[in-house]
Amino acid sequence: MIRKYLATDYQDVLNLLQLNIPDYFAPEEAKDLEKYLQLHAQNYFLFIDNDTIVGAGGLNYIEAENIAKLAWDFIHPNHHKKGIGSQLVQYRLNKIMEEKPGIKIEIRTSQLAYLFYEKFGFQTQKITKDYWAEGFDLYHMEFKG
């Protein structure tokens, strides 16, 4: 089941990110997630399995630029390769297309996940080496459908 993030989920989401460090995120990114959840979580969604948060992912609209961005996707390591990430991506893409048809959709990810997003029609526009942290490159991708 996918539901909206609540402020009471804050610590559980931070704990979930920790399970993905250092394999998918750099340790210093945890502070960025804290800030994101405090300031930009109005469109953050959680995948719940047996009353436990096993996945998370957000979306943000940048109205002035007519852009929607997928943000902060991660899944509990014990639940990788079970389709949870795909469901969260598709849920948000559907939401964006319903709420803002025709808007440009982007994601900023790393070399560790860009192939996953390619399956949904995202194409790499730019790569910046060591952007997130040393060894974590930025892959700026755009949805082409």
C-alpha atoms as a PDB file:
ATOM      1  CA  MET A   1       0.000   0.000   0.000  1.00  0.00           C
ATOM      2  CA  ILE A   2       1.208   3.507  -0.823  1.00  0.00           C
ATOM      3  CA  ARG A   3       0.237   6.405   1.415  1.00  0.00           C
ATOM      4  CA  LYS A   4       1.318   9.975   2.082  1.00  0.00           C
ATOM      5  CA  TYR A   5       4.124  10.692   4.508  1.00  0.00           C
ATOM      6  CA  LEU A   6       3.103  11.981   7.937  1.00  0.00           C
ATOM      7  CA  ALA A   7       5.304  13.967  10.326  1.00  0.00           C
ATOM      8  CA  THR A   8       5.108  11.006  12.710  1.00  0.00           C
ATOM      9  CA  ASP A   9       6.974   8.914  10.087  1.00  0.00           C
ATOM     10  CA  TYR A  10      10.055  11.163  10.291  1.00  0.00           C
ATOM     11  CA  GLN A  11      12.354   8.910  12.349  1.00  0.00           C
ATOM     12  CA  ASP A  12      11.265   5.726  10.566  1.00  0.00           C
ATOM     13  CA  VAL A  13      12.123   7.266   7.186  1.00  0.00           C
ATOM     14  CA  LEU A  14      15.516   8.432   8.450  1.00  0.00           C
ATOM     15  CA  ASN A  15      16.159   4.933   9.797  1.00  0.00           C
ATOM     16  CA  LEU A  16      15.223   3.454   6.425  1.00  0.00           C
ATOM     17  CA  LEU A  17      17.738   5.698   4.675  1.00  0.00           C
ATOM     18  CA  GLN A  18      20.448   4.544   7.100  1.00  0.00           C
ATOM     19  CA  LEU A  19      19.899   0.966   5.888  1.00  0.00           C
ATOM     20  CA  ASN A  20      20.898   2.176   2.391  1.00  0.00           C
ATOM     21  CA  ILE A  21      24.129   3.891   3.510  1.00  0.00           C
ATOM     22  CA  PRO A  22      26.839   3.415   2.202  1.00  0.00           C
ATOM     23  CA  ASP A  23      25.607   1.103  -0.577  1.00  0.00           C
ATOM     24  CA  TYR A  24      23.320   3.636  -2.282  1.00  0.00           C
ATOM     25  CA  PHE A  25      23.779   6.928  -0.424  1.00  0.00           C
ATOM     26  CA  ALA A  26      26.734   8.742   1.098  1.00  0.00           C
ATOM     27  CA  PRO A  27      26.595   9.241   4.883  1.00  0.00           C
ATOM     28  CA  GLU A  28      26.511  13.031   4.499  1.00  0.00           C
ATOM     29  CA  GLU A  29      23.245  12.798   2.536  1.00  0.00           C
ATOM     30  CA  ALA A  30      21.302  11.935   5.701  1.00  0.00           C
ATOM     31  CA  LYS A  31      21.315  15.607   6.751  1.00  0.00           C
ATOM     32  CA  ASP A  32      19.900  16.550   3.336  1.00  0.00           C
ATOM     33  CA  LEU A  33      17.014  14.126   3.830  1.00  0.00           C
ATOM     34  CA  GLU A  34      16.289  15.576   7.273  1.00  0.00           C
ATOM     35  CA  LYS A  35      16.027  19.046   5.732  1.00  0.00           C
ATOM     36  CA  TYR A  36      13.900  17.753   2.844  1.00  0.00           C
ATOM     37  CA  LEU A  37      11.421  16.068   5.198  1.00  0.00           C
ATOM     38  CA  GLN A  38      11.156  19.217   7.302  1.00  0.00           C
ATOM     39  CA  LEU A  39      10.620  21.573   4.353  1.00  0.00           C
ATOM     40  CA  HIS A  40       9.400  19.715   1.259  1.00  0.00           C
ATOM     41  CA  ALA A  41       7.539  16.538   2.251  1.00  0.00           C
ATOM     42  CA  GLN A  42       4.026  17.572   1.178  1.00  0.00           C
ATOM     43  CA  ASN A  43       4.293  15.122  -1.754  1.00  0.00           C
ATOM     44  CA  TYR A  44       6.349  12.381  -0.123  1.00  0.00           C
ATOM     45  CA  PHE A  45       4.965   8.854  -0.267  1.00  0.00           C
ATOM     46  CA  LEU A  46       5.634   5.653   1.627  1.00  0.00           C
ATOM     47  CA  PHE A  47       5.215   2.023   0.673  1.00  0.00           C
ATOM     48  CA  ILE A  48       3.795   0.140   3.649  1.00  0.00           C
ATOM     49  CA  ASP A  49       4.033  -3.637   4.062  1.00  0.00           C
ATOM     50  CA  ASN A  50       2.603  -5.240   7.214  1.00  0.00           C
ATOM     51  CA  ASP A  51       2.411  -1.824   8.932  1.00  0.00           C
ATOM     52  CA  THR A  52       6.126  -1.217   8.239  1.00  0.00           C
ATOM     53  CA  ILE A  53       7.641   1.420   5.959  1.00  0.00           C
ATOM     54  CA  VAL A  54       9.674  -0.477   3.372  1.00  0.00           C
ATOM     55  CA  GLY A  55       9.962   2.192   0.670  1.00  0.00           C
ATOM     56  CA  ALA A  56       9.809   5.934   0.193  1.00  0.00           C
ATOM     57  CA  GLY A  57       9.843   8.468  -2.606  1.00  0.00           C
ATOM     58  CA  GLY A  58       8.807  12.042  -3.189  1.00  0.00           C
ATOM     59  CA  LEU A  59       7.908  14.485  -5.892  1.00  0.00           C
ATOM     60  CA  ASN A  60       8.211  18.216  -6.000  1.00  0.00           C
ATOM     61  CA  TYR A  61       6.813  20.804  -8.368  1.00  0.00           C
ATOM     62  CA  ILE A  62       8.911  23.757  -9.408  1.00  0.00           C
ATOM     63  CA  GLU A  63       6.059  25.852 -10.766  1.00  0.00           C
ATOM     64  CA  ALA A  64       8.191  28.719 -12.104  1.00  0.00           C
ATOM     65  CA  GLU A  65      10.081  26.295 -14.355  1.00  0.00           C
ATOM     66  CA  ASN A  66       7.142  23.969 -15.155  1.00  0.00           C
ATOM     67  CA  ILE A  67       9.108  21.006 -13.798  1.00  0.00           C
ATOM     68  CA  ALA A  68       8.213  18.072 -11.558  1.00  0.00           C
ATOM     69  CA  LYS A  69      11.066  16.231  -9.866  1.00  0.00           C
ATOM     70  CA  LEU A  70      11.092  12.781  -8.339  1.00  0.00           C
ATOM     71  CA  ALA A  71      13.134  12.839  -5.132  1.00  0.00           C
ATOM     72  CA  TRP A  72      14.540  10.732  -2.328  1.00  0.00           C
ATOM     73  CA  ASP A  73      13.670   7.225  -3.487  1.00  0.00           C
ATOM     74  CA  PHE A  74      14.887   4.301  -1.403  1.00  0.00           C
ATOM     75  CA  ILE A  75      13.728   0.837  -0.416  1.00  0.00           C
ATOM     76  CA  HIS A  76      14.532  -1.369   2.564  1.00  0.00           C
ATOM     77  CA  PRO A  77      17.433  -3.608   1.436  1.00  0.00           C
ATOM     78  CA  ASN A  78      15.462  -6.747   2.328  1.00  0.00           C
ATOM     79  CA  HIS A  79      12.766  -5.623  -0.118  1.00  0.00           C
ATOM     80  CA  HIS A  80      14.913  -4.794  -3.167  1.00  0.00           C
ATOM     81  CA  LYS A  81      13.941  -6.499  -6.433  1.00  0.00           C
ATOM     82  CA  LYS A  82      10.329  -7.015  -5.318  1.00  0.00           C
ATOM     83  CA  GLY A  83       8.735  -4.289  -7.440  1.00  0.00           C
ATOM     84  CA  ILE A  84       8.264  -1.774  -4.613  1.00  0.00           C
ATOM     85  CA  GLY A  85      10.485   0.858  -6.213  1.00  0.00           C
ATOM     86  CA  SER A  86       8.712   0.403  -9.534  1.00  0.00           C
ATOM     87  CA  GLN A  87       5.318   0.849  -7.885  1.00  0.00           C
ATOM     88  CA  LEU A  88       6.474   4.041  -6.154  1.00  0.00           C
ATOM     89  CA  VAL A  89       7.880   5.491  -9.399  1.00  0.00           C
ATOM     90  CA  GLN A  90       4.771   4.629 -11.407  1.00  0.00           C
ATOM     91  CA  TYR A  91       2.489   5.976  -8.673  1.00  0.00           C
ATOM     92  CA  ARG A  92       4.248   9.351  -8.768  1.00  0.00           C
ATOM     93  CA  LEU A  93       4.452   9.498 -12.565  1.00  0.00           C
ATOM     94  CA  ASN A  94       0.704   8.846 -12.740  1.00  0.00           C
ATOM     95  CA  LYS A  95       0.068  11.520 -10.104  1.00  0.00           C
ATOM     96  CA  ILE A  96       2.167  14.083 -11.999  1.00  0.00           C
ATOM     97  CA  MET A  97       0.507  13.305 -15.337  1.00  0.00           C
ATOM     98  CA  GLU A  98      -2.932  13.571 -13.735  1.00  0.00           C
ATOM     99  CA  GLU A  99      -2.229  16.810 -11.823  1.00  0.00           C
ATOM    100  CA  LYS A 100       0.036  18.573 -14.333  1.00  0.00           C
ATOM    101  CA  PRO A 101      -0.273  17.040 -17.806  1.00  0.00           C
ATOM    102  CA  GLY A 102       2.549  18.084 -20.105  1.00  0.00           C
ATOM    103  CA  ILE A 103       4.916  19.151 -17.330  1.00  0.00           C
ATOM    104  CA  LYS A 104       8.602  18.265 -17.698  1.00  0.00           C
ATOM    105  CA  ILE A 105       9.612  15.458 -15.297  1.00  0.00           C
ATOM    106  CA  GLU A 106      13.155  15.054 -13.998  1.00  0.00           C
ATOM    107  CA  ILE A 107      15.115  13.039 -11.501  1.00  0.00           C
ATOM    108  CA  ARG A 108      18.585  13.471 -10.078  1.00  0.00           C
ATOM    109  CA  THR A 109      20.083  10.129  -9.160  1.00  0.00           C
ATOM    110  CA  SER A 110      23.433   8.348  -9.132  1.00  0.00           C
ATOM    111  CA  GLN A 111      25.325   5.807 -11.204  1.00  0.00           C
ATOM    112  CA  LEU A 112      23.912   3.219  -8.815  1.00  0.00           C
ATOM    113  CA  ALA A 113      20.289   3.755  -9.867  1.00  0.00           C
ATOM    114  CA  TYR A 114      20.120   5.423 -13.274  1.00  0.00           C
ATOM    115  CA  LEU A 115      19.538   2.115 -15.114  1.00  0.00           C
ATOM    116  CA  PHE A 116      16.459   1.540 -12.947  1.00  0.00           C
ATOM    117  CA  TYR A 117      14.947   4.855 -14.069  1.00  0.00           C
ATOM    118  CA  GLU A 118      15.769   4.193 -17.715  1.00  0.00           C
ATOM    119  CA  LYS A 119      13.193   1.380 -17.589  1.00  0.00           C
ATOM    120  CA  PHE A 120      10.496   4.037 -17.071  1.00  0.00           C
ATOM    121  CA  GLY A 121      11.600   6.242 -19.955  1.00  0.00           C
ATOM    122  CA  PHE A 122      14.066   8.542 -18.221  1.00  0.00           C
ATOM    123  CA  GLN A 123      17.118   9.539 -20.246  1.00  0.00           C
ATOM    124  CA  THR A 124      20.401  10.868 -18.870  1.00  0.00           C
ATOM    125  CA  GLN A 125      20.957  14.528 -19.751  1.00  0.00           C
ATOM    126  CA  LYS A 126      24.116  15.232 -17.768  1.00  0.00           C
ATOM    127  CA  ILE A 127      26.571  13.429 -15.482  1.00  0.00           C
ATOM    128  CA  THR A 128      28.562  15.229 -12.773  1.00  0.00           C
ATOM    129  CA  LYS A 129      31.305  13.154 -11.167  1.00  0.00           C
ATOM    130  CA  ASP A 130      31.457  13.029  -7.335  1.00  0.00           C
ATOM    131  CA  TYR A 131      28.452  15.367  -7.025  1.00  0.00           C
ATOM    132  CA  TRP A 132      26.694  13.828  -4.019  1.00  0.00           C
ATOM    133  CA  ALA A 133      29.964  12.778  -2.377  1.00  0.00           C
ATOM    134  CA  GLU A 134      33.173  11.133  -3.494  1.00  0.00           C
ATOM    135  CA  GLY A 135      32.213   8.091  -5.547  1.00  0.00           C
ATOM    136  CA  PHE A 136      28.569   9.200  -5.912  1.00  0.00           C
ATOM    137  CA  ASP A 137      28.025  10.811  -9.316  1.00  0.00           C
ATOM    138  CA  LEU A 138      24.973  12.861 -10.282  1.00  0.00           C
ATOM    139  CA  TYR A 139      22.901  11.570 -13.174  1.00  0.00           C
ATOM    140  CA  HIS A 140      20.455  14.285 -14.185  1.00  0.00           C
ATOM    141  CA  MET A 141      17.675  12.521 -16.065  1.00  0.00           C
ATOM    142  CA  GLU A 142      14.573  13.647 -17.923  1.00  0.00           C
ATOM    143  CA  PHE A 143      11.403  11.641 -18.523  1.00  0.00           C
ATOM    144  CA  LYS A 144      10.825  11.048 -22.225  1.00  0.00           C
ATOM    145  CA  GLY A 145       7.975   8.590 -21.789  1.00  0.00           C
END
